[in-house]
Amino acid sequence: MEGSARVSAPARPRRPAATPAAPAPASRVGAFVSVALVPMVVSYAAMVLVTAVVTGVAAGTTPGGEPGPAGSVAAAVPLWLAAHLVPVTLHGETVSALPLAPALAIGLLIAATTRRAVRRLGVTRAGGAVGVVATAVTAHAASGVLAAALLTPETVIDASPTLAGVVCGLLAGIAALAGVASPTGLTGRRVARLPHGVRAGMRSGLLGALGFLAAGAGMVTASLLADAPDVAGVFSRLAPEAGSGAGLALLTAAYLPNAVIGATSWIAGPGLAIGVMSTTPTSVIAGPISAMPPLPLAALLPTAAPPPWAGLTFAVPLALGSLVGWTLTPGAGDAPARLRTLGVAAVSAALPLGVLAVLAGGRLGTGPFDPVVVPAGALVLAIMAWVLVPGAVVVLAVGPAAPAPRRPPPGGLPTDGAPDLEDAEDDEDRVPVDTRPPEGPD
């Protein structure tokens, strides 16, 4: 007869997870070589190409203009340093208010190269990406030192090798970390360990910072369209020939991110200052025409008292701060918890914009339009205030969203989706009863 106990079949042993094959030594070397050389070669080649195009166009419109490949290669060295935000000295005057567009493009190139390298190497943890990041930092720092050493005061443009190495290495390090963060889980795993309120506040704050930058970009676009005749007049006055016009157009495009950050500061309230001139939505201190920088973007700066409706500009940051608070209302928690999350959002929105404000300004020699100042400290405080005050009103007025009622799942389980603990305890206390019929004699 069959016994009362059943013997279960032995469980099948689990197969060990297949580990990815290690890349070949040649593939590893190629990955590190691409991290070290590709961004530098591509960025320097772009500077040579820009210089050659501008000088080539100028040669066709300027009597006696002769483009020279050697001249383009030499002129690209200080341009490469300036594209990495290395302060340079022009005729003995310091220039550190450099365009941000080339630096942004180089940073994206470094991030893409390092991301491709860690995937090529099969790196899945942050510790394995240290070599990739160190390679990018070391290569760019060494290249910055070498490029600055090639310049001398006799070449009109000069730069400090030590400062060039530090700035180039720092830019490469930040971009490389951004590139390896996603494939290695550098940010995902660590952010996931943070409390829910901190994560929600950081996400809403970064979205708010992007909203402020979008507002600044919209303002620059609208101003360019509204003041198109003035901008064209600056072009015709400063660059009447095709070669100089091409160079001025490229320079204007390179400074567009700086203009967006300045417009963001203007919308938020602190405004910006260029030399003796400063402007905010409520006041304008205009200088002479000679105090205006020789750039078409300078035509967008106001030269008269702001109109009465300029104060309506504050409706934009008011709406953005309210929107940040609205994104936090679905979160659970009492009022103090929601306010703490809002504080995290305010800091997360303000600090990135403060860093960008520092990068957007700087020295422009010692002329009437020096220095260019986007007040970083005032901008941080203004952004925090625009997020905290209207955001707190929205968070406290709306409150957390009510949880949706849950439908009982099929199978008779409780409505909360969890088994009844009391019934489970009763089942454990019950003694199993053998309901099989008694066995007869054989």
Protein backbone atom coordinates (compact mmCIF):
# COMPACT_ATOMS: atom_id res chain seq x y z
CA MET A 1 0.00 0.00 0.00
CA GLU A 2 1.01 3.58 -0.51
CA GLY A 3 2.41 5.20 2.63
CA SER A 4 0.85 8.20 4.29
CA ALA A 5 3.90 10.38 3.55
CA ARG A 6 4.80 11.49 0.10
CA VAL A 7 8.37 11.87 -1.01
CA SER A 8 8.92 14.98 -3.08
CA ALA A 9 11.22 14.89 -6.05
CA PRO A 10 14.64 16.44 -5.48
CA ALA A 11 14.89 20.05 -6.66
CA ARG A 12 16.93 20.61 -9.75
CA PRO A 13 20.17 22.43 -9.07
CA ARG A 14 20.22 25.95 -10.41
CA ARG A 15 22.63 26.71 -13.15
CA PRO A 16 25.12 29.42 -12.26
CA ALA A 17 24.52 32.72 -14.01
CA ALA A 18 26.65 33.10 -17.06
CA THR A 19 29.35 35.67 -16.55
CA PRO A 20 30.15 37.92 -19.48
CA ALA A 21 33.33 37.02 -21.24
CA ALA A 22 36.24 39.30 -20.49
CA PRO A 23 37.15 41.54 -23.41
CA ALA A 24 40.29 40.74 -25.32
CA PRO A 25 43.42 42.69 -24.35
CA ALA A 26 43.39 44.50 -27.69
CA SER A 27 39.79 45.54 -27.10
CA ARG A 28 40.63 46.85 -23.62
CA VAL A 29 43.54 48.88 -24.97
CA GLY A 30 41.36 50.26 -27.75
CA ALA A 31 38.69 51.33 -25.25
CA PHE A 32 41.18 53.28 -23.13
CA VAL A 33 42.87 54.79 -26.17
CA SER A 34 39.52 56.04 -27.47
CA VAL A 35 38.76 57.64 -24.10
CA ALA A 36 42.11 59.39 -24.07
CA LEU A 37 42.32 60.55 -27.68
CA VAL A 38 38.94 60.72 -29.39
CA PRO A 39 37.51 63.76 -27.53
CA MET A 40 40.77 65.70 -27.80
CA VAL A 41 41.37 64.93 -31.46
CA VAL A 42 37.78 65.65 -32.47
CA SER A 43 37.57 68.90 -30.49
CA TYR A 44 40.93 70.15 -31.77
CA ALA A 45 40.03 69.21 -35.35
CA ALA A 46 36.80 71.17 -34.96
CA MET A 47 38.75 74.23 -33.83
CA VAL A 48 41.12 73.88 -36.81
CA LEU A 49 38.14 73.56 -39.15
CA VAL A 50 36.43 76.64 -37.73
CA THR A 51 39.63 78.67 -38.04
CA ALA A 52 40.23 77.46 -41.59
CA VAL A 53 36.66 78.24 -42.69
CA VAL A 54 36.73 81.74 -41.23
CA THR A 55 40.14 82.57 -42.68
CA GLY A 56 39.18 80.98 -46.00
CA VAL A 57 36.06 83.09 -46.31
CA ALA A 58 38.02 86.16 -45.29
CA ALA A 59 40.63 85.43 -47.95
CA GLY A 60 37.97 85.58 -50.63
CA THR A 61 36.62 88.94 -49.52
CA THR A 62 39.65 90.73 -48.09
CA PRO A 63 42.39 91.95 -50.43
CA GLY A 64 45.61 90.20 -49.62
CA GLY A 65 43.97 87.59 -47.43
CA GLU A 66 45.69 84.24 -47.79
CA PRO A 67 44.51 81.25 -45.82
CA GLY A 68 47.31 79.17 -44.38
CA PRO A 69 46.96 75.65 -42.94
CA ALA A 70 49.82 76.24 -40.52
CA GLY A 71 48.18 79.41 -39.29
CA SER A 72 44.88 77.59 -38.71
CA VAL A 73 46.62 74.82 -36.77
CA ALA A 74 48.41 77.34 -34.55
CA ALA A 75 45.34 79.54 -34.02
CA ALA A 76 43.30 76.51 -32.97
CA VAL A 77 45.43 75.98 -29.84
CA PRO A 78 44.10 78.99 -27.86
CA LEU A 79 40.63 78.31 -29.23
CA TRP A 80 40.84 74.75 -27.90
CA LEU A 81 41.80 76.06 -24.46
CA ALA A 82 38.99 78.62 -24.50
CA ALA A 83 36.55 75.89 -25.51
CA HIS A 84 37.56 74.05 -22.33
CA LEU A 85 36.83 77.23 -20.29
CA VAL A 86 40.52 77.89 -19.58
CA PRO A 87 41.04 81.62 -18.86
CA VAL A 88 43.40 83.18 -21.40
CA THR A 89 45.35 86.41 -21.53
CA LEU A 90 44.88 88.58 -24.62
CA HIS A 91 47.38 91.41 -25.00
CA GLY A 92 48.03 91.14 -21.27
CA GLU A 93 44.32 91.34 -20.33
CA THR A 94 42.54 88.39 -18.71
CA VAL A 95 39.53 86.95 -20.51
CA SER A 96 37.54 84.42 -18.48
CA ALA A 97 33.96 85.15 -19.61
CA LEU A 98 34.18 82.38 -22.18
CA PRO A 99 31.41 80.87 -24.32
CA LEU A 100 29.70 77.82 -22.83
CA ALA A 101 28.44 76.17 -26.03
CA PRO A 102 31.83 74.63 -27.02
CA ALA A 103 32.42 73.39 -23.48
CA LEU A 104 28.97 71.80 -23.46
CA ALA A 105 29.68 70.05 -26.78
CA ILE A 106 33.06 68.78 -25.54
CA GLY A 107 31.48 67.54 -22.32
CA LEU A 108 28.85 65.60 -24.25
CA LEU A 109 31.56 64.09 -26.44
CA ILE A 110 33.58 62.96 -23.40
CA ALA A 111 30.48 61.52 -21.75
CA ALA A 112 29.54 59.57 -24.89
CA THR A 113 33.08 58.23 -25.28
CA THR A 114 33.36 57.05 -21.68
CA ARG A 115 29.89 55.49 -21.77
CA ARG A 116 30.83 53.52 -24.87
CA ALA A 117 34.11 52.47 -23.27
CA VAL A 118 32.56 51.02 -20.09
CA ARG A 119 30.04 49.08 -22.16
CA ARG A 120 32.82 47.82 -24.38
CA LEU A 121 34.77 46.70 -21.32
CA GLY A 122 31.73 45.05 -19.75
CA VAL A 123 31.92 47.21 -16.62
CA THR A 124 28.72 47.06 -14.56
CA ARG A 125 29.87 48.51 -11.23
CA ALA A 126 31.17 51.93 -10.31
CA GLY A 127 34.50 50.59 -9.07
CA GLY A 128 35.32 49.18 -12.46
CA ALA A 129 34.93 52.56 -14.14
CA VAL A 130 37.65 54.27 -12.09
CA GLY A 131 40.26 53.54 -14.74
CA VAL A 132 38.10 54.96 -17.51
CA VAL A 133 37.44 58.19 -15.63
CA ALA A 134 41.10 58.50 -14.58
CA THR A 135 42.19 58.05 -18.19
CA ALA A 136 39.93 60.85 -19.39
CA VAL A 137 41.07 63.20 -16.61
CA THR A 138 44.77 62.49 -17.06
CA ALA A 139 44.71 62.81 -20.84
CA HIS A 140 42.84 66.12 -20.84
CA ALA A 141 44.89 67.58 -18.00
CA ALA A 142 48.14 66.71 -19.76
CA SER A 143 46.83 68.11 -23.04
CA GLY A 144 45.79 71.33 -21.31
CA VAL A 145 49.26 71.77 -19.84
CA LEU A 146 50.91 71.09 -23.20
CA ALA A 147 48.60 73.43 -25.11
CA ALA A 148 49.16 76.26 -22.65
CA ALA A 149 52.91 75.69 -22.73
CA LEU A 150 52.87 76.22 -26.50
CA LEU A 151 51.57 79.76 -25.97
CA THR A 152 53.80 82.62 -24.98
CA PRO A 153 53.18 86.33 -24.40
CA GLU A 154 54.81 86.90 -27.78
CA THR A 155 51.96 84.96 -29.44
CA VAL A 156 49.43 87.62 -28.29
CA ILE A 157 47.39 84.95 -26.44
CA ASP A 158 48.79 83.27 -23.32
CA ALA A 159 47.51 80.90 -20.63
CA SER A 160 48.76 79.38 -17.39
CA PRO A 161 49.78 75.72 -17.89
CA THR A 162 48.88 74.82 -14.30
CA LEU A 163 45.44 76.40 -14.51
CA ALA A 164 44.88 74.86 -17.94
CA GLY A 165 45.65 71.39 -16.61
CA VAL A 166 43.32 71.79 -13.65
CA VAL A 167 40.41 73.21 -15.67
CA CYS A 168 40.71 70.69 -18.52
CA GLY A 169 40.99 67.79 -16.08
CA LEU A 170 38.02 69.01 -14.06
CA LEU A 171 35.83 69.37 -17.14
CA ALA A 172 36.84 65.90 -18.34
CA GLY A 173 36.24 64.37 -14.91
CA ILE A 174 32.73 65.77 -14.56
CA ALA A 175 31.79 64.72 -18.08
CA ALA A 176 33.31 61.25 -17.65
CA LEU A 177 31.41 60.68 -14.40
CA ALA A 178 28.22 61.68 -16.14
CA GLY A 179 29.00 59.23 -18.93
CA VAL A 180 29.65 56.20 -16.72
CA ALA A 181 26.90 56.93 -14.19
CA SER A 182 24.11 55.14 -16.04
CA PRO A 183 25.90 51.95 -17.26
CA THR A 184 27.54 51.33 -13.88
CA GLY A 185 24.62 52.32 -11.67
CA LEU A 186 26.75 55.02 -10.07
CA THR A 187 23.76 57.26 -9.45
CA GLY A 188 20.89 54.80 -9.67
CA ARG A 189 21.94 52.57 -6.77
CA ARG A 190 22.91 55.43 -4.50
CA VAL A 191 19.84 57.51 -5.24
CA ALA A 192 17.64 54.47 -4.62
CA ARG A 193 19.01 54.28 -1.05
CA LEU A 194 17.85 57.81 -0.26
CA PRO A 195 14.52 58.37 1.48
CA HIS A 196 11.52 58.75 -0.76
CA GLY A 197 11.05 62.40 0.19
CA VAL A 198 14.62 63.27 -0.75
CA ARG A 199 14.34 61.52 -4.11
CA ALA A 200 11.03 63.21 -4.89
CA GLY A 201 12.42 66.60 -3.92
CA MET A 202 15.54 66.20 -6.04
CA ARG A 203 13.49 65.12 -9.04
CA SER A 204 11.05 68.03 -8.75
CA GLY A 205 13.86 70.52 -8.11
CA LEU A 206 15.83 69.49 -11.18
CA LEU A 207 12.66 69.74 -13.26
CA GLY A 208 12.15 73.22 -11.84
CA ALA A 209 15.72 74.22 -12.79
CA LEU A 210 15.06 73.04 -16.34
CA GLY A 211 11.86 75.09 -16.32
CA PHE A 212 13.74 78.25 -15.34
CA LEU A 213 16.32 77.63 -18.08
CA ALA A 214 13.53 77.05 -20.60
CA ALA A 215 12.01 80.38 -19.59
CA GLY A 216 15.38 82.08 -20.11
CA ALA A 217 15.76 80.45 -23.52
CA GLY A 218 12.27 81.59 -24.49
CA MET A 219 13.10 85.13 -23.46
CA VAL A 220 16.30 85.16 -25.54
CA THR A 221 14.45 83.78 -28.56
CA ALA A 222 11.66 86.33 -28.26
CA SER A 223 14.16 89.17 -27.86
CA LEU A 224 16.11 88.07 -30.92
CA LEU A 225 12.94 88.06 -32.98
CA ALA A 226 11.72 91.39 -31.63
CA ASP A 227 15.12 93.12 -31.99
CA ALA A 228 16.17 91.48 -35.25
CA PRO A 229 16.84 94.84 -37.00
CA ASP A 230 19.14 95.98 -34.17
CA VAL A 231 21.00 92.65 -34.20
CA ALA A 232 21.44 92.89 -37.97
CA GLY A 233 22.72 96.45 -37.58
CA VAL A 234 25.38 95.27 -35.13
CA PHE A 235 26.44 92.59 -37.61
CA SER A 236 26.73 95.06 -40.48
CA ARG A 237 28.64 97.55 -38.36
CA LEU A 238 31.11 95.14 -36.74
CA ALA A 239 31.53 92.61 -39.54
CA PRO A 240 30.73 94.09 -42.95
CA GLU A 241 32.72 91.40 -44.81
CA ALA A 242 31.86 87.73 -45.21
CA GLY A 243 34.89 86.39 -43.33
CA SER A 244 34.46 88.57 -40.28
CA GLY A 245 30.71 88.03 -40.45
CA ALA A 246 31.17 84.25 -40.33
CA GLY A 247 33.45 84.53 -37.33
CA LEU A 248 31.06 86.87 -35.53
CA ALA A 249 28.12 84.54 -36.23
CA LEU A 250 30.03 81.58 -34.74
CA LEU A 251 31.03 83.64 -31.72
CA THR A 252 27.43 84.72 -31.18
CA ALA A 253 26.19 81.14 -31.37
CA ALA A 254 28.87 80.06 -28.90
CA TYR A 255 27.70 82.66 -26.35
CA LEU A 256 23.99 81.75 -26.59
CA PRO A 257 24.06 79.52 -23.45
CA ASN A 258 25.60 82.43 -21.54
CA ALA A 259 22.75 84.64 -22.75
CA VAL A 260 20.18 82.05 -21.65
CA ILE A 261 21.66 81.93 -18.13
CA GLY A 262 21.72 85.72 -17.96
CA ALA A 263 18.09 85.86 -19.08
CA THR A 264 17.20 83.26 -16.43
CA SER A 265 18.77 85.46 -13.78
CA TRP A 266 16.88 88.47 -15.14
CA ILE A 267 13.55 86.63 -14.96
CA ALA A 268 14.26 85.47 -11.42
CA GLY A 269 15.06 89.02 -10.30
CA PRO A 270 18.82 89.44 -9.66
CA GLY A 271 19.48 90.37 -13.30
CA LEU A 272 22.97 90.75 -14.71
CA ALA A 273 25.71 93.35 -15.06
CA ILE A 274 28.19 94.06 -17.84
CA GLY A 275 30.77 96.59 -16.78
CA VAL A 276 29.05 99.77 -15.63
CA MET A 277 25.69 98.63 -16.99
CA SER A 278 23.22 96.49 -15.04
CA THR A 279 19.64 95.46 -15.62
CA THR A 280 16.82 93.80 -13.68
CA PRO A 281 13.06 93.63 -14.33
CA THR A 282 12.59 96.69 -12.11
CA SER A 283 15.65 98.85 -12.86
CA VAL A 284 18.23 99.59 -15.54
CA ILE A 285 21.55 101.34 -15.11
CA ALA A 286 22.58 102.09 -18.67
CA GLY A 287 26.08 103.09 -19.63
CA PRO A 288 27.40 104.80 -22.75
CA ILE A 289 27.37 103.07 -26.10
CA SER A 290 31.06 102.33 -25.69
CA ALA A 291 30.21 100.27 -22.60
CA MET A 292 28.30 97.72 -24.68
CA PRO A 293 30.25 94.59 -25.66
CA PRO A 294 30.96 94.22 -29.40
CA LEU A 295 28.51 91.36 -29.80
CA PRO A 296 25.13 91.17 -31.52
CA LEU A 297 23.66 89.76 -28.31
CA ALA A 298 24.43 93.09 -26.64
CA ALA A 299 21.66 94.61 -28.73
CA LEU A 300 19.18 92.68 -26.60
CA LEU A 301 20.17 94.54 -23.44
CA PRO A 302 17.77 97.30 -22.38
CA THR A 303 19.09 100.85 -22.45
CA ALA A 304 16.06 102.65 -21.02
CA ALA A 305 13.95 102.36 -17.90
CA PRO A 306 11.83 99.21 -17.85
CA PRO A 307 8.18 99.69 -18.79
CA PRO A 308 5.48 99.41 -16.09
CA TRP A 309 4.49 95.94 -17.26
CA ALA A 310 8.02 94.56 -16.74
CA GLY A 311 7.03 93.49 -13.24
CA LEU A 312 4.67 90.96 -14.81
CA THR A 313 7.80 88.98 -15.63
CA PHE A 314 7.71 87.70 -12.06
CA ALA A 315 4.62 85.71 -12.98
CA VAL A 316 6.94 83.21 -14.71
CA PRO A 317 8.98 82.21 -11.62
CA LEU A 318 5.79 82.35 -9.55
CA ALA A 319 4.20 79.80 -11.86
CA LEU A 320 7.30 77.62 -11.90
CA GLY A 321 7.53 77.56 -8.11
CA SER A 322 3.85 76.66 -7.87
CA LEU A 323 4.38 73.90 -10.40
CA VAL A 324 7.22 72.44 -8.33
CA GLY A 325 4.91 72.40 -5.31
CA TRP A 326 2.17 70.79 -7.37
CA THR A 327 4.46 67.93 -8.42
CA LEU A 328 5.05 67.16 -4.73
CA THR A 329 1.39 67.05 -3.66
CA PRO A 330 0.76 63.41 -4.69
CA GLY A 331 3.39 62.27 -2.18
CA ALA A 332 2.22 60.83 1.10
CA GLY A 333 3.14 62.31 4.46
CA ASP A 334 2.06 65.01 6.82
CA ALA A 335 2.61 68.73 6.33
CA PRO A 336 6.11 68.87 7.88
CA ALA A 337 7.26 65.99 5.68
CA ARG A 338 5.94 67.68 2.55
CA LEU A 339 7.65 70.93 3.51
CA ARG A 340 10.95 69.11 4.02
CA THR A 341 10.59 67.60 0.57
CA LEU A 342 9.89 71.06 -0.80
CA GLY A 343 13.08 72.32 0.84
CA VAL A 344 15.06 69.60 -0.93
CA ALA A 345 13.43 70.65 -4.20
CA ALA A 346 14.35 74.30 -3.64
CA VAL A 347 18.00 73.45 -3.05
CA SER A 348 18.07 71.05 -6.02
CA ALA A 349 16.70 73.77 -8.29
CA ALA A 350 18.90 76.60 -7.03
CA LEU A 351 22.36 75.04 -6.80
CA PRO A 352 22.73 73.98 -10.48
CA LEU A 353 21.62 77.41 -11.62
CA GLY A 354 24.12 79.01 -9.25
CA VAL A 355 26.95 76.96 -10.76
CA LEU A 356 25.88 77.93 -14.27
CA ALA A 357 25.78 81.59 -13.21
CA VAL A 358 29.41 81.39 -12.10
CA LEU A 359 30.43 79.84 -15.42
CA ALA A 360 28.46 82.35 -17.50
CA GLY A 361 30.33 85.39 -16.15
CA GLY A 362 33.94 86.42 -15.78
CA ARG A 363 36.51 88.96 -16.81
CA LEU A 364 36.64 90.70 -20.19
CA GLY A 365 39.91 92.53 -19.94
CA THR A 366 39.83 95.89 -18.22
CA GLY A 367 37.59 97.76 -20.63
CA PRO A 368 34.21 99.39 -20.01
CA PHE A 369 32.39 96.05 -20.32
CA ASP A 370 34.41 94.28 -17.66
CA PRO A 371 33.41 92.25 -15.70
CA VAL A 372 30.41 90.21 -16.82
CA VAL A 373 28.49 89.29 -13.68
CA VAL A 374 25.55 86.95 -13.29
CA PRO A 375 25.15 87.15 -9.49
CA ALA A 376 25.31 83.49 -8.45
CA GLY A 377 24.58 84.01 -4.77
CA ALA A 378 21.61 86.27 -5.38
CA LEU A 379 20.30 83.89 -8.04
CA VAL A 380 20.48 80.90 -5.66
CA LEU A 381 18.54 82.79 -2.99
CA ALA A 382 15.99 84.05 -5.51
CA ILE A 383 15.35 80.58 -6.97
CA MET A 384 14.97 79.10 -3.49
CA ALA A 385 12.48 81.81 -2.57
CA TRP A 386 10.50 81.34 -5.80
CA VAL A 387 10.25 77.61 -5.10
CA LEU A 388 9.65 77.73 -1.35
CA VAL A 389 7.01 80.45 -1.03
CA PRO A 390 4.51 79.58 -3.80
CA GLY A 391 5.40 75.91 -3.52
CA ALA A 392 4.57 75.87 0.20
CA VAL A 393 1.21 77.50 -0.46
CA VAL A 394 0.36 74.83 -3.04
CA VAL A 395 1.66 71.93 -0.94
CA LEU A 396 -0.27 72.98 2.17
CA ALA A 397 -3.42 73.98 0.33
CA VAL A 398 -3.76 70.94 -1.89
CA GLY A 399 -2.30 68.29 0.40
CA PRO A 400 -1.50 64.71 -0.54
CA ALA A 401 -3.69 62.92 -3.01
CA ALA A 402 -6.16 60.41 -1.56
CA PRO A 403 -5.22 56.79 -2.26
CA ALA A 404 -7.36 55.09 -4.84
CA PRO A 405 -9.67 52.34 -3.48
CA ARG A 406 -8.41 48.86 -4.09
CA ARG A 407 -10.62 46.21 -5.61
CA PRO A 408 -10.62 42.76 -4.00
CA PRO A 409 -8.61 40.41 -6.17
CA PRO A 410 -10.13 37.12 -7.34
CA GLY A 411 -9.66 34.12 -5.08
CA GLY A 412 -11.17 35.49 -1.89
CA LEU A 413 -8.12 37.31 -0.58
CA PRO A 414 -8.65 40.33 1.67
CA THR A 415 -9.01 43.72 0.01
CA ASP A 416 -5.54 44.82 1.01
CA GLY A 417 -3.97 42.03 -1.02
CA ALA A 418 -2.35 40.37 2.04
CA PRO A 419 -3.42 37.12 3.70
CA ASP A 420 -5.34 37.27 6.97
CA LEU A 421 -2.79 36.76 9.71
CA GLU A 422 -5.36 35.59 12.25
CA ASP A 423 -6.59 32.86 9.91
CA ALA A 424 -3.00 31.88 9.24
CA GLU A 425 -2.36 31.52 12.99
CA ASP A 426 -5.51 29.43 13.39
CA ASP A 427 -4.36 27.16 10.59
CA GLU A 428 -1.04 26.62 12.34
CA ASP A 429 -2.81 25.60 15.61
CA ARG A 430 -5.05 23.05 13.94
CA VAL A 431 -4.07 19.37 14.20
CA PRO A 432 -4.23 17.54 10.88
CA VAL A 433 -6.89 14.80 10.86
CA ASP A 434 -6.43 11.63 8.79
CA THR A 435 -9.66 11.21 6.85
CA ARG A 436 -8.58 8.11 4.91
CA PRO A 437 -10.59 4.90 5.48
CA PRO A 438 -8.94 2.27 7.69
CA GLU A 439 -6.91 -0.35 5.93
CA GLY A 440 -8.38 -3.87 5.86
CA PRO A 441 -6.49 -7.14 6.31
CA ASP A 442 -4.50 -8.28 3.34
